Amino acid sequence: MTPLQLETFRARLADFLAHETGVDVSIDHATMLAGGASRDMWLIDARIGGGPERLVLRRDLPTSMHEGALTREQEFRLMQTAYAAGVKVARPRFVCADPVVLDGAFFLMDFVDGIAIGRKVVTLPELAAARAQLPDHMAEQLARIHQLDASALEFLRRPSDSPAREAIRETYEILDRLNVSNPAFEYALRWAERHAPTCDALTFVHGDFRIGNLIVDAQGLAAVADWEFAHWGDPDEELGYVCMRDWRFGVIHKRMGGIGDREPFLQAYERYSGRTVDRAAVDFWELLGNIRWGVICLAQANRHLSGRDPSVELASLGRRSAEMQHEMLRLIAHMEAQV
């Protein structure tokens, strides 16, 4: 963004906030945040009615990671529901569904101090004490999320089949749209079809609950971020997803997010949620998470290759697909050896 474009961005945002609040608004600083493969993220230092405010702006990019993702208005409403229910989430403040205002729909939320970059969360020495607390904090928040009353949010997707079979079908559809014929994915998806678990009861699920989407401070979990993939589904999906190899950020031997062992985390979740977890179902969802992420990595690279979202980060994700393919085949071999 050129200096002139940035100045226009700040002026338009100030006008929007002045209209929303009815008071004078100035934007002192607007700084793009690192990451943001799915959405544009900005740190905003503003003065609203003379008082300083530190906000985070989350804005649509020209293309999307997944067609089933929530809109910014829907994500905002969902975060309001979670915030009201006591989930650790940044307080949502303002939303704009008009893409003309800032060249994309957006919302603003309170800034939450902490670190979200996964490789820093799992390695920084100053977060060692936080990492010791994180598995329990994550289990507690995930149980609270799965108990959310989201019945008023009519836009949330519900599976027409079992959640596992629906996820498999959606993965096939992405491969078809990309015109990709890949024997590793075909084999893994057919294996998953034969071993798909049933789901006793649908719950609300966050859809992307993992290290890298959590804001962590010295005390532990400060806030849960990135709610755009929320839906009704199988709660075991998230218990397997959080254990995926890619979400360990290089600390491979610690299966639960690169910060701890899986079993204590599952036991803590059972304690907070009051339900018994099927470990085999969690194994399945970890496998399916790797399959889906491997396919989405190809889709992310295609966003760059199409020219619509030029990005070194999106381009680099394409090569990660091979790593996911290796991991999914390894997991299948391990699960078959357990039978």
C-alpha atoms as a PDB file:
ATOM      1  CA  MET A   1       0.000   0.000   0.000  1.00  0.00           C
ATOM      2  CA  THR A   2       1.457   3.372  -1.049  1.00  0.00           C
ATOM      3  CA  PRO A   3       1.549   6.317   1.412  1.00  0.00           C
ATOM      4  CA  LEU A   4      -1.330   7.940  -0.501  1.00  0.00           C
ATOM      5  CA  GLN A   5      -3.392   4.750  -0.366  1.00  0.00           C
ATOM      6  CA  LEU A   6      -2.675   4.425   3.356  1.00  0.00           C
ATOM      7  CA  GLU A   7      -3.766   8.003   3.958  1.00  0.00           C
ATOM      8  CA  THR A   8      -7.002   7.344   2.051  1.00  0.00           C
ATOM      9  CA  PHE A   9      -7.522   4.144   4.057  1.00  0.00           C
ATOM     10  CA  ARG A  10      -7.140   6.029   7.350  1.00  0.00           C
ATOM     11  CA  ALA A  11      -9.448   8.840   6.239  1.00  0.00           C
ATOM     12  CA  ARG A  12     -12.190   6.469   5.125  1.00  0.00           C
ATOM     13  CA  LEU A  13     -11.923   4.464   8.345  1.00  0.00           C
ATOM     14  CA  ALA A  14     -12.122   7.651  10.436  1.00  0.00           C
ATOM     15  CA  ASP A  15     -15.242   8.748   8.537  1.00  0.00           C
ATOM     16  CA  PHE A  16     -16.856   5.344   9.080  1.00  0.00           C
ATOM     17  CA  LEU A  17     -16.142   5.361  12.822  1.00  0.00           C
ATOM     18  CA  ALA A  18     -17.334   8.955  13.168  1.00  0.00           C
ATOM     19  CA  HIS A  19     -20.608   7.969  11.499  1.00  0.00           C
ATOM     20  CA  GLU A  20     -20.979   4.932  13.779  1.00  0.00           C
ATOM     21  CA  THR A  21     -20.176   6.724  17.035  1.00  0.00           C
ATOM     22  CA  GLY A  22     -21.437  10.240  16.395  1.00  0.00           C
ATOM     23  CA  VAL A  23     -18.207  11.785  17.694  1.00  0.00           C
ATOM     24  CA  ASP A  24     -14.972  13.056  16.169  1.00  0.00           C
ATOM     25  CA  VAL A  25     -12.533  10.302  15.185  1.00  0.00           C
ATOM     26  CA  SER A  26      -8.909  10.390  14.075  1.00  0.00           C
ATOM     27  CA  ILE A  27      -6.682   7.484  13.096  1.00  0.00           C
ATOM     28  CA  ASP A  28      -3.182   7.996  14.492  1.00  0.00           C
ATOM     29  CA  HIS A  29      -1.644   4.794  13.107  1.00  0.00           C
ATOM     30  CA  ALA A  30      -2.737   1.897  10.889  1.00  0.00           C
ATOM     31  CA  THR A  31      -0.246  -0.967  10.651  1.00  0.00           C
ATOM     32  CA  MET A  32      -0.716  -4.206   8.753  1.00  0.00           C
ATOM     33  CA  LEU A  33      -0.229  -7.272  10.951  1.00  0.00           C
ATOM     34  CA  ALA A  34       1.761 -10.363   9.990  1.00  0.00           C
ATOM     35  CA  GLY A  35      -0.033 -13.489   8.764  1.00  0.00           C
ATOM     36  CA  GLY A  36      -3.567 -13.047   7.537  1.00  0.00           C
ATOM     37  CA  ALA A  37      -3.620 -15.722   4.840  1.00  0.00           C
ATOM     38  CA  SER A  38      -7.409 -15.787   5.021  1.00  0.00           C
ATOM     39  CA  ARG A  39      -8.111 -12.127   5.877  1.00  0.00           C
ATOM     40  CA  ASP A  40      -6.348  -8.761   5.944  1.00  0.00           C
ATOM     41  CA  MET A  41      -5.461  -7.721   9.533  1.00  0.00           C
ATOM     42  CA  TRP A  42      -4.566  -4.211  10.727  1.00  0.00           C
ATOM     43  CA  LEU A  43      -3.606  -2.747  14.098  1.00  0.00           C
ATOM     44  CA  ILE A  44      -5.455   0.563  14.466  1.00  0.00           C
ATOM     45  CA  ASP A  45      -4.571   3.312  16.944  1.00  0.00           C
ATOM     46  CA  ALA A  46      -7.498   5.718  16.976  1.00  0.00           C
ATOM     47  CA  ARG A  47      -8.919   8.593  18.974  1.00  0.00           C
ATOM     48  CA  ILE A  48     -12.672   8.291  19.324  1.00  0.00           C
ATOM     49  CA  GLY A  49     -14.248  11.309  20.961  1.00  0.00           C
ATOM     50  CA  GLY A  50     -10.783  12.290  22.176  1.00  0.00           C
ATOM     51  CA  GLY A  51     -10.152   8.979  23.941  1.00  0.00           C
ATOM     52  CA  PRO A  52      -7.418   6.606  22.735  1.00  0.00           C
ATOM     53  CA  GLU A  53      -8.563   3.255  21.365  1.00  0.00           C
ATOM     54  CA  ARG A  54      -6.453   0.340  20.155  1.00  0.00           C
ATOM     55  CA  LEU A  55      -8.396  -1.870  17.742  1.00  0.00           C
ATOM     56  CA  VAL A  56      -7.776  -4.673  15.276  1.00  0.00           C
ATOM     57  CA  LEU A  57      -9.412  -4.490  11.847  1.00  0.00           C
ATOM     58  CA  ARG A  58     -10.203  -7.721   9.978  1.00  0.00           C
ATOM     59  CA  ARG A  59     -10.968  -7.207   6.271  1.00  0.00           C
ATOM     60  CA  ASP A  60     -11.830  -9.365   3.263  1.00  0.00           C
ATOM     61  CA  LEU A  61      -9.169 -10.114   0.665  1.00  0.00           C
ATOM     62  CA  PRO A  62     -10.024 -10.354  -3.067  1.00  0.00           C
ATOM     63  CA  THR A  63     -10.204 -14.169  -2.795  1.00  0.00           C
ATOM     64  CA  SER A  64     -11.183 -16.570  -0.019  1.00  0.00           C
ATOM     65  CA  MET A  65      -9.546 -19.676   1.429  1.00  0.00           C
ATOM     66  CA  HIS A  66     -12.847 -21.570   1.504  1.00  0.00           C
ATOM     67  CA  GLU A  67     -16.196 -20.828  -0.109  1.00  0.00           C
ATOM     68  CA  GLY A  68     -17.991 -21.934   3.061  1.00  0.00           C
ATOM     69  CA  ALA A  69     -16.296 -19.292   5.225  1.00  0.00           C
ATOM     70  CA  LEU A  70     -18.497 -16.845   7.106  1.00  0.00           C
ATOM     71  CA  THR A  71     -18.845 -13.258   5.950  1.00  0.00           C
ATOM     72  CA  ARG A  72     -17.351 -10.533   8.133  1.00  0.00           C
ATOM     73  CA  GLU A  73     -20.831  -9.556   9.322  1.00  0.00           C
ATOM     74  CA  GLN A  74     -21.579 -13.173  10.273  1.00  0.00           C
ATOM     75  CA  GLU A  75     -18.231 -13.614  12.006  1.00  0.00           C
ATOM     76  CA  PHE A  76     -18.892 -10.402  13.942  1.00  0.00           C
ATOM     77  CA  ARG A  77     -22.309 -11.638  15.111  1.00  0.00           C
ATOM     78  CA  LEU A  78     -20.819 -14.953  16.125  1.00  0.00           C
ATOM     79  CA  MET A  79     -18.073 -13.274  18.145  1.00  0.00           C
ATOM     80  CA  GLN A  80     -20.730 -11.188  19.892  1.00  0.00           C
ATOM     81  CA  THR A  81     -22.468 -14.427  20.905  1.00  0.00           C
ATOM     82  CA  ALA A  82     -19.233 -15.997  22.133  1.00  0.00           C
ATOM     83  CA  TYR A  83     -18.203 -12.844  24.015  1.00  0.00           C
ATOM     84  CA  ALA A  84     -21.584 -12.638  25.747  1.00  0.00           C
ATOM     85  CA  ALA A  85     -21.262 -16.307  26.788  1.00  0.00           C
ATOM     86  CA  GLY A  86     -17.937 -15.691  28.508  1.00  0.00           C
ATOM     87  CA  VAL A  87     -15.641 -17.238  25.906  1.00  0.00           C
ATOM     88  CA  LYS A  88     -12.195 -15.636  25.788  1.00  0.00           C
ATOM     89  CA  VAL A  89     -12.584 -13.625  22.606  1.00  0.00           C
ATOM     90  CA  ALA A  90     -11.779 -10.040  21.660  1.00  0.00           C
ATOM     91  CA  ARG A  91     -14.760  -7.738  22.196  1.00  0.00           C
ATOM     92  CA  PRO A  92     -16.313  -7.033  18.772  1.00  0.00           C
ATOM     93  CA  ARG A  93     -16.918  -3.306  18.267  1.00  0.00           C
ATOM     94  CA  PHE A  94     -17.923  -2.205  14.750  1.00  0.00           C
ATOM     95  CA  VAL A  95     -18.832  -3.961  11.505  1.00  0.00           C
ATOM     96  CA  CYS A  96     -19.213  -2.816   7.893  1.00  0.00           C
ATOM     97  CA  ALA A  97     -20.659  -5.118   5.232  1.00  0.00           C
ATOM     98  CA  ASP A  98     -20.236  -2.499   2.474  1.00  0.00           C
ATOM     99  CA  PRO A  99     -17.121  -3.433   0.444  1.00  0.00           C
ATOM    100  CA  VAL A 100     -16.862   0.097  -0.972  1.00  0.00           C
ATOM    101  CA  VAL A 101     -15.824   1.767   2.290  1.00  0.00           C
ATOM    102  CA  LEU A 102     -12.419   0.036   2.587  1.00  0.00           C
ATOM    103  CA  ASP A 103     -12.363  -2.078  -0.587  1.00  0.00           C
ATOM    104  CA  GLY A 104     -13.682  -5.072   1.314  1.00  0.00           C
ATOM    105  CA  ALA A 105     -16.131  -5.867   4.108  1.00  0.00           C
ATOM    106  CA  PHE A 106     -14.550  -5.545   7.555  1.00  0.00           C
ATOM    107  CA  PHE A 107     -15.078  -5.423  11.289  1.00  0.00           C
ATOM    108  CA  LEU A 108     -13.146  -4.014  14.227  1.00  0.00           C
ATOM    109  CA  MET A 109     -12.539  -5.583  17.623  1.00  0.00           C
ATOM    110  CA  ASP A 110     -10.604  -4.641  20.733  1.00  0.00           C
ATOM    111  CA  PHE A 111      -6.875  -5.296  20.622  1.00  0.00           C
ATOM    112  CA  VAL A 112      -5.818  -8.167  22.899  1.00  0.00           C
ATOM    113  CA  ASP A 113      -2.194  -8.068  23.964  1.00  0.00           C
ATOM    114  CA  GLY A 114      -0.234 -11.258  23.417  1.00  0.00           C
ATOM    115  CA  ILE A 115       1.373 -13.446  20.772  1.00  0.00           C
ATOM    116  CA  ALA A 116      -0.483 -15.442  18.123  1.00  0.00           C
ATOM    117  CA  ILE A 117       2.339 -16.512  15.781  1.00  0.00           C
ATOM    118  CA  GLY A 118       2.516 -20.275  16.253  1.00  0.00           C
ATOM    119  CA  ARG A 119       6.277 -20.808  16.059  1.00  0.00           C
ATOM    120  CA  LYS A 120       6.768 -18.119  18.732  1.00  0.00           C
ATOM    121  CA  VAL A 121       4.086 -19.562  21.006  1.00  0.00           C
ATOM    122  CA  VAL A 122       5.762 -22.983  21.029  1.00  0.00           C
ATOM    123  CA  THR A 123       9.384 -21.801  21.393  1.00  0.00           C
ATOM    124  CA  LEU A 124       9.760 -18.422  23.145  1.00  0.00           C
ATOM    125  CA  PRO A 125      11.436 -18.908  26.555  1.00  0.00           C
ATOM    126  CA  GLU A 126       9.305 -16.171  28.110  1.00  0.00           C
ATOM    127  CA  LEU A 127       6.174 -18.215  27.315  1.00  0.00           C
ATOM    128  CA  ALA A 128       7.397 -21.406  29.016  1.00  0.00           C
ATOM    129  CA  ALA A 129       5.075 -20.934  32.002  1.00  0.00           C
ATOM    130  CA  ALA A 130       2.183 -20.102  29.684  1.00  0.00           C
ATOM    131  CA  ARG A 131       2.778 -23.297  27.659  1.00  0.00           C
ATOM    132  CA  ALA A 132       2.476 -25.335  30.844  1.00  0.00           C
ATOM    133  CA  GLN A 133      -1.006 -23.865  31.408  1.00  0.00           C
ATOM    134  CA  LEU A 134      -2.172 -23.737  27.798  1.00  0.00           C
ATOM    135  CA  PRO A 135      -3.470 -27.330  27.349  1.00  0.00           C
ATOM    136  CA  ASP A 136      -5.807 -26.909  30.326  1.00  0.00           C
ATOM    137  CA  HIS A 137      -6.856 -23.420  29.215  1.00  0.00           C
ATOM    138  CA  MET A 138      -7.519 -24.681  25.688  1.00  0.00           C
ATOM    139  CA  ALA A 139      -9.545 -27.635  26.946  1.00  0.00           C
ATOM    140  CA  GLU A 140     -11.676 -25.341  29.108  1.00  0.00           C
ATOM    141  CA  GLN A 141     -12.352 -22.856  26.306  1.00  0.00           C
ATOM    142  CA  LEU A 142     -13.053 -25.578  23.766  1.00  0.00           C
ATOM    143  CA  ALA A 143     -15.588 -27.184  26.098  1.00  0.00           C
ATOM    144  CA  ARG A 144     -17.222 -23.780  26.589  1.00  0.00           C
ATOM    145  CA  ILE A 145     -17.290 -23.212  22.814  1.00  0.00           C
ATOM    146  CA  HIS A 146     -18.930 -26.592  22.188  1.00  0.00           C
ATOM    147  CA  GLN A 147     -21.621 -25.682  24.713  1.00  0.00           C
ATOM    148  CA  LEU A 148     -22.417 -22.328  23.054  1.00  0.00           C
ATOM    149  CA  ASP A 149     -26.084 -21.716  22.305  1.00  0.00           C
ATOM    150  CA  ALA A 150     -25.737 -20.625  18.693  1.00  0.00           C
ATOM    151  CA  SER A 151     -29.301 -21.538  17.694  1.00  0.00           C
ATOM    152  CA  ALA A 152     -30.097 -17.909  16.813  1.00  0.00           C
ATOM    153  CA  LEU A 153     -27.279 -17.810  14.247  1.00  0.00           C
ATOM    154  CA  GLU A 154     -29.251 -19.064  11.281  1.00  0.00           C
ATOM    155  CA  PHE A 155     -26.307 -18.720   8.882  1.00  0.00           C
ATOM    156  CA  LEU A 156     -24.232 -21.491  10.480  1.00  0.00           C
ATOM    157  CA  ARG A 157     -23.872 -24.526   8.225  1.00  0.00           C
ATOM    158  CA  ARG A 158     -25.369 -27.845   9.322  1.00  0.00           C
ATOM    159  CA  PRO A 159     -24.201 -31.101   7.730  1.00  0.00           C
ATOM    160  CA  SER A 160     -26.759 -32.904   5.580  1.00  0.00           C
ATOM    161  CA  ASP A 161     -24.903 -36.181   6.231  1.00  0.00           C
ATOM    162  CA  SER A 162     -22.629 -37.254   9.086  1.00  0.00           C
ATOM    163  CA  PRO A 163     -20.043 -34.521   9.742  1.00  0.00           C
ATOM    164  CA  ALA A 164     -17.202 -36.813   8.653  1.00  0.00           C
ATOM    165  CA  ARG A 165     -18.815 -37.789   5.354  1.00  0.00           C
ATOM    166  CA  GLU A 166     -19.788 -34.189   4.655  1.00  0.00           C
ATOM    167  CA  ALA A 167     -16.185 -33.077   5.205  1.00  0.00           C
ATOM    168  CA  ILE A 168     -14.909 -35.811   2.889  1.00  0.00           C
ATOM    169  CA  ARG A 169     -17.380 -34.785   0.181  1.00  0.00           C
ATOM    170  CA  GLU A 170     -16.355 -31.129   0.478  1.00  0.00           C
ATOM    171  CA  THR A 171     -12.696 -32.126   0.115  1.00  0.00           C
ATOM    172  CA  TYR A 172     -13.466 -34.036  -3.077  1.00  0.00           C
ATOM    173  CA  GLU A 173     -15.266 -30.942  -4.386  1.00  0.00           C
ATOM    174  CA  ILE A 174     -12.207 -28.735  -3.807  1.00  0.00           C
ATOM    175  CA  LEU A 175     -10.008 -31.203  -5.696  1.00  0.00           C
ATOM    176  CA  ASP A 176     -12.512 -31.208  -8.544  1.00  0.00           C
ATOM    177  CA  ARG A 177     -12.593 -27.393  -8.701  1.00  0.00           C
ATOM    178  CA  LEU A 178      -8.798 -27.333  -8.808  1.00  0.00           C
ATOM    179  CA  ASN A 179      -8.823 -30.054 -11.486  1.00  0.00           C
ATOM    180  CA  VAL A 180      -6.302 -32.023  -9.398  1.00  0.00           C
ATOM    181  CA  SER A 181      -5.841 -35.776  -9.795  1.00  0.00           C
ATOM    182  CA  ASN A 182      -3.623 -36.958  -6.964  1.00  0.00           C
ATOM    183  CA  PRO A 183      -3.311 -40.663  -6.071  1.00  0.00           C
ATOM    184  CA  ALA A 184      -2.267 -39.976  -2.463  1.00  0.00           C
ATOM    185  CA  PHE A 185      -5.362 -37.864  -1.779  1.00  0.00           C
ATOM    186  CA  GLU A 186      -7.625 -40.305  -3.613  1.00  0.00           C
ATOM    187  CA  TYR A 187      -6.307 -43.217  -1.544  1.00  0.00           C
ATOM    188  CA  ALA A 188      -6.545 -41.327   1.753  1.00  0.00           C
ATOM    189  CA  LEU A 189     -10.077 -40.068   1.069  1.00  0.00           C
ATOM    190  CA  ARG A 190     -11.295 -43.551   0.178  1.00  0.00           C
ATOM    191  CA  TRP A 191      -9.711 -44.894   3.362  1.00  0.00           C
ATOM    192  CA  ALA A 192     -11.442 -42.133   5.321  1.00  0.00           C
ATOM    193  CA  GLU A 193     -14.796 -42.983   3.704  1.00  0.00           C
ATOM    194  CA  ARG A 194     -14.480 -46.595   4.892  1.00  0.00           C
ATOM    195  CA  HIS A 195     -13.578 -45.591   8.450  1.00  0.00           C
ATOM    196  CA  ALA A 196     -15.720 -42.474   8.995  1.00  0.00           C
ATOM    197  CA  PRO A 197     -17.113 -42.340  12.570  1.00  0.00           C
ATOM    198  CA  THR A 198     -20.691 -41.522  13.436  1.00  0.00           C
ATOM    199  CA  CYS A 199     -21.588 -38.471  15.491  1.00  0.00           C
ATOM    200  CA  ASP A 200     -23.955 -38.872  18.442  1.00  0.00           C
ATOM    201  CA  ALA A 201     -24.822 -35.180  18.757  1.00  0.00           C
ATOM    202  CA  LEU A 202     -23.951 -32.081  16.767  1.00  0.00           C
ATOM    203  CA  THR A 203     -22.501 -29.118  18.627  1.00  0.00           C
ATOM    204  CA  PHE A 204     -21.280 -25.702  17.656  1.00  0.00           C
ATOM    205  CA  VAL A 205     -17.612 -25.962  16.630  1.00  0.00           C
ATOM    206  CA  HIS A 206     -15.068 -23.184  16.120  1.00  0.00           C
ATOM    207  CA  GLY A 207     -13.718 -24.805  12.948  1.00  0.00           C
ATOM    208  CA  ASP A 208     -10.085 -23.647  13.216  1.00  0.00           C
ATOM    209  CA  PHE A 209      -9.165 -24.012  16.899  1.00  0.00           C
ATOM    210  CA  ARG A 210      -5.391 -24.444  17.100  1.00  0.00           C
ATOM    211  CA  ILE A 211      -2.075 -22.893  18.040  1.00  0.00           C
ATOM    212  CA  GLY A 212      -1.656 -19.965  15.658  1.00  0.00           C
ATOM    213  CA  ASN A 213      -5.289 -18.905  16.072  1.00  0.00           C
ATOM    214  CA  LEU A 214      -4.957 -18.309  19.817  1.00  0.00           C
ATOM    215  CA  ILE A 215      -3.552 -15.166  21.432  1.00  0.00           C
ATOM    216  CA  VAL A 216      -1.187 -16.184  24.217  1.00  0.00           C
ATOM    217  CA  ASP A 217       0.287 -14.009  26.962  1.00  0.00           C
ATOM    218  CA  ALA A 218       2.495 -14.786  29.957  1.00  0.00           C
ATOM    219  CA  GLN A 219      -0.488 -16.203  31.882  1.00  0.00           C
ATOM    220  CA  GLY A 220      -1.691 -18.509  29.090  1.00  0.00           C
ATOM    221  CA  LEU A 221      -4.650 -18.246  26.731  1.00  0.00           C
ATOM    222  CA  ALA A 222      -5.767 -14.628  26.325  1.00  0.00           C
ATOM    223  CA  ALA A 223      -8.225 -14.919  23.412  1.00  0.00           C
ATOM    224  CA  VAL A 224      -9.532 -17.272  20.723  1.00  0.00           C
ATOM    225  CA  ALA A 225      -9.318 -15.741  17.237  1.00  0.00           C
ATOM    226  CA  ASP A 226     -10.399 -16.467  13.631  1.00  0.00           C
ATOM    227  CA  TRP A 227     -14.014 -17.658  13.840  1.00  0.00           C
ATOM    228  CA  GLU A 228     -14.798 -17.620  10.110  1.00  0.00           C
ATOM    229  CA  PHE A 229     -14.976 -21.423   9.714  1.00  0.00           C
ATOM    230  CA  ALA A 230     -17.449 -22.022  12.563  1.00  0.00           C
ATOM    231  CA  HIS A 231     -20.293 -24.457  11.898  1.00  0.00           C
ATOM    232  CA  TRP A 232     -22.399 -27.209  13.446  1.00  0.00           C
ATOM    233  CA  GLY A 233     -20.442 -30.443  13.574  1.00  0.00           C
ATOM    234  CA  ASP A 234     -18.723 -33.171  15.546  1.00  0.00           C
ATOM    235  CA  PRO A 235     -16.831 -31.833  18.588  1.00  0.00           C
ATOM    236  CA  ASP A 236     -14.215 -34.568  18.108  1.00  0.00           C
ATOM    237  CA  GLU A 237     -13.260 -32.794  14.878  1.00  0.00           C
ATOM    238  CA  GLU A 238     -11.580 -30.045  16.895  1.00  0.00           C
ATOM    239  CA  LEU A 239      -9.861 -32.425  19.302  1.00  0.00           C
ATOM    240  CA  GLY A 240      -8.140 -34.121  16.376  1.00  0.00           C
ATOM    241  CA  TYR A 241      -7.518 -30.926  14.429  1.00  0.00           C
ATOM    242  CA  VAL A 242      -5.575 -29.246  17.229  1.00  0.00           C
ATOM    243  CA  CYS A 243      -3.138 -32.196  17.225  1.00  0.00           C
ATOM    244  CA  MET A 244      -2.211 -31.999  13.534  1.00  0.00           C
ATOM    245  CA  ARG A 245       1.516 -32.052  12.802  1.00  0.00           C
ATOM    246  CA  ASP A 246       1.440 -28.678  11.017  1.00  0.00           C
ATOM    247  CA  TRP A 247      -0.008 -26.976  14.099  1.00  0.00           C
ATOM    248  CA  ARG A 248       2.979 -28.096  16.214  1.00  0.00           C
ATOM    249  CA  PHE A 249       5.189 -25.554  14.429  1.00  0.00           C
ATOM    250  CA  GLY A 250       8.303 -27.683  14.454  1.00  0.00           C
ATOM    251  CA  VAL A 251       7.964 -29.144  17.966  1.00  0.00           C
ATOM    252  CA  ILE A 252       6.888 -32.456  16.440  1.00  0.00           C
ATOM    253  CA  HIS A 253       7.272 -34.700  19.495  1.00  0.00           C
ATOM    254  CA  LYS A 254       4.587 -32.759  21.415  1.00  0.00           C
ATOM    255  CA  ARG A 255       1.446 -33.998  19.712  1.00  0.00           C
ATOM    256  CA  MET A 256      -0.957 -31.488  21.221  1.00  0.00           C
ATOM    257  CA  GLY A 257      -0.105 -28.287  19.402  1.00  0.00           C
ATOM    258  CA  GLY A 258       3.635 -28.514  19.973  1.00  0.00           C
ATOM    259  CA  ILE A 259       3.115 -27.742  23.673  1.00  0.00           C
ATOM    260  CA  GLY A 260       2.128 -31.014  25.351  1.00  0.00           C
ATOM    261  CA  ASP A 261       0.904 -34.596  25.203  1.00  0.00           C
ATOM    262  CA  ARG A 262      -2.539 -35.369  23.848  1.00  0.00           C
ATOM    263  CA  GLU A 263      -3.956 -37.522  26.636  1.00  0.00           C
ATOM    264  CA  PRO A 264      -3.820 -34.926  29.472  1.00  0.00           C
ATOM    265  CA  PHE A 265      -5.490 -32.451  27.124  1.00  0.00           C
ATOM    266  CA  LEU A 266      -8.291 -34.907  26.301  1.00  0.00           C
ATOM    267  CA  GLN A 267      -8.779 -35.721  29.965  1.00  0.00           C
ATOM    268  CA  ALA A 268      -9.022 -32.015  30.800  1.00  0.00           C
ATOM    269  CA  TYR A 269     -11.567 -31.553  27.999  1.00  0.00           C
ATOM    270  CA  GLU A 270     -13.633 -34.469  29.369  1.00  0.00           C
ATOM    271  CA  ARG A 271     -13.562 -32.878  32.811  1.00  0.00           C
ATOM    272  CA  TYR A 272     -14.743 -29.487  31.521  1.00  0.00           C
ATOM    273  CA  SER A 273     -17.254 -30.778  28.969  1.00  0.00           C
ATOM    274  CA  GLY A 274     -18.708 -33.667  30.965  1.00  0.00           C
ATOM    275  CA  ARG A 275     -18.576 -36.046  28.012  1.00  0.00           C
ATOM    276  CA  THR A 276     -16.404 -39.084  27.242  1.00  0.00           C
ATOM    277  CA  VAL A 277     -14.158 -38.760  24.204  1.00  0.00           C
ATOM    278  CA  ASP A 278     -13.675 -41.608  21.716  1.00  0.00           C
ATOM    279  CA  ARG A 279      -9.919 -41.642  21.116  1.00  0.00           C
ATOM    280  CA  ALA A 280     -10.303 -43.557  17.838  1.00  0.00           C
ATOM    281  CA  ALA A 281     -12.642 -40.828  16.540  1.00  0.00           C
ATOM    282  CA  VAL A 282     -10.072 -38.187  17.505  1.00  0.00           C
ATOM    283  CA  ASP A 283      -7.428 -40.182  15.585  1.00  0.00           C
ATOM    284  CA  PHE A 284      -9.705 -40.163  12.538  1.00  0.00           C
ATOM    285  CA  TRP A 285     -10.276 -36.414  12.692  1.00  0.00           C
ATOM    286  CA  GLU A 286      -6.535 -35.783  12.997  1.00  0.00           C
ATOM    287  CA  LEU A 287      -6.075 -37.799   9.813  1.00  0.00           C
ATOM    288  CA  LEU A 288      -8.912 -36.037   8.000  1.00  0.00           C
ATOM    289  CA  GLY A 289      -7.543 -32.680   9.146  1.00  0.00           C
ATOM    290  CA  ASN A 290      -4.261 -33.465   7.405  1.00  0.00           C
ATOM    291  CA  ILE A 291      -6.071 -34.535   4.241  1.00  0.00           C
ATOM    292  CA  ARG A 292      -8.202 -31.398   4.150  1.00  0.00           C
ATOM    293  CA  TRP A 293      -5.333 -29.055   4.962  1.00  0.00           C
ATOM    294  CA  GLY A 294      -3.180 -30.682   2.279  1.00  0.00           C
ATOM    295  CA  VAL A 295      -5.895 -29.992  -0.292  1.00  0.00           C
ATOM    296  CA  ILE A 296      -6.490 -26.456   0.997  1.00  0.00           C
ATOM    297  CA  CYS A 297      -2.752 -25.763   0.659  1.00  0.00           C
ATOM    298  CA  LEU A 298      -3.146 -26.438  -3.068  1.00  0.00           C
ATOM    299  CA  ALA A 299      -6.143 -24.104  -3.155  1.00  0.00           C
ATOM    300  CA  GLN A 300      -4.167 -21.408  -1.331  1.00  0.00           C
ATOM    301  CA  ALA A 301      -1.343 -21.627  -3.863  1.00  0.00           C
ATOM    302  CA  ASN A 302      -3.921 -21.362  -6.637  1.00  0.00           C
ATOM    303  CA  ARG A 303      -5.089 -18.023  -5.223  1.00  0.00           C
ATOM    304  CA  HIS A 304      -1.558 -16.737  -5.870  1.00  0.00           C
ATOM    305  CA  LEU A 305      -1.132 -18.453  -9.229  1.00  0.00           C
ATOM    306  CA  SER A 306      -4.449 -17.031 -10.461  1.00  0.00           C
ATOM    307  CA  GLY A 307      -3.018 -13.520 -10.070  1.00  0.00           C
ATOM    308  CA  ARG A 308      -5.943 -12.356  -7.950  1.00  0.00           C
ATOM    309  CA  ASP A 309      -4.057 -12.520  -4.611  1.00  0.00           C
ATOM    310  CA  PRO A 310      -0.299 -12.285  -5.318  1.00  0.00           C
ATOM    311  CA  SER A 311       1.386 -13.459  -2.124  1.00  0.00           C
ATOM    312  CA  VAL A 312       4.629 -15.192  -1.231  1.00  0.00           C
ATOM    313  CA  GLU A 313       2.845 -16.731   1.770  1.00  0.00           C
ATOM    314  CA  LEU A 314       0.077 -18.229  -0.388  1.00  0.00           C
ATOM    315  CA  ALA A 315       2.600 -19.472  -2.934  1.00  0.00           C
ATOM    316  CA  SER A 316       4.699 -21.141  -0.232  1.00  0.00           C
ATOM    317  CA  LEU A 317       1.681 -23.020   1.105  1.00  0.00           C
ATOM    318  CA  GLY A 318       1.510 -25.032  -2.107  1.00  0.00           C
ATOM    319  CA  ARG A 319       4.654 -26.975  -1.254  1.00  0.00           C
ATOM    320  CA  ARG A 320       3.274 -27.766   2.214  1.00  0.00           C
ATOM    321  CA  SER A 321       0.729 -30.036   0.570  1.00  0.00           C
ATOM    322  CA  ALA A 322       3.440 -32.689   0.046  1.00  0.00           C
ATOM    323  CA  GLU A 323       4.181 -32.647   3.784  1.00  0.00           C
ATOM    324  CA  MET A 324       0.509 -33.196   4.572  1.00  0.00           C
ATOM    325  CA  GLN A 325       0.348 -36.075   2.117  1.00  0.00           C
ATOM    326  CA  HIS A 326       3.302 -37.765   3.821  1.00  0.00           C
ATOM    327  CA  GLU A 327       1.706 -37.260   7.238  1.00  0.00           C
ATOM    328  CA  MET A 328      -1.715 -38.577   6.222  1.00  0.00           C
ATOM    329  CA  LEU A 329      -0.191 -41.743   4.769  1.00  0.00           C
ATOM    330  CA  ARG A 330       1.887 -42.194   7.925  1.00  0.00           C
ATOM    331  CA  LEU A 331      -1.219 -41.870  10.095  1.00  0.00           C
ATOM    332  CA  ILE A 332      -3.150 -44.391   8.001  1.00  0.00           C
ATOM    333  CA  ALA A 333      -0.302 -46.894   8.341  1.00  0.00           C
ATOM    334  CA  HIS A 334      -0.215 -46.332  12.097  1.00  0.00           C
ATOM    335  CA  MET A 335      -3.991 -46.747  12.504  1.00  0.00           C
ATOM    336  CA  GLU A 336      -4.031 -49.913  10.412  1.00  0.00           C
ATOM    337  CA  ALA A 337      -1.219 -51.336  12.547  1.00  0.00           C
ATOM    338  CA  GLN A 338      -3.370 -50.742  15.647  1.00  0.00           C
ATOM    339  CA  VAL A 339      -6.220 -52.913  14.349  1.00  0.00           C
END
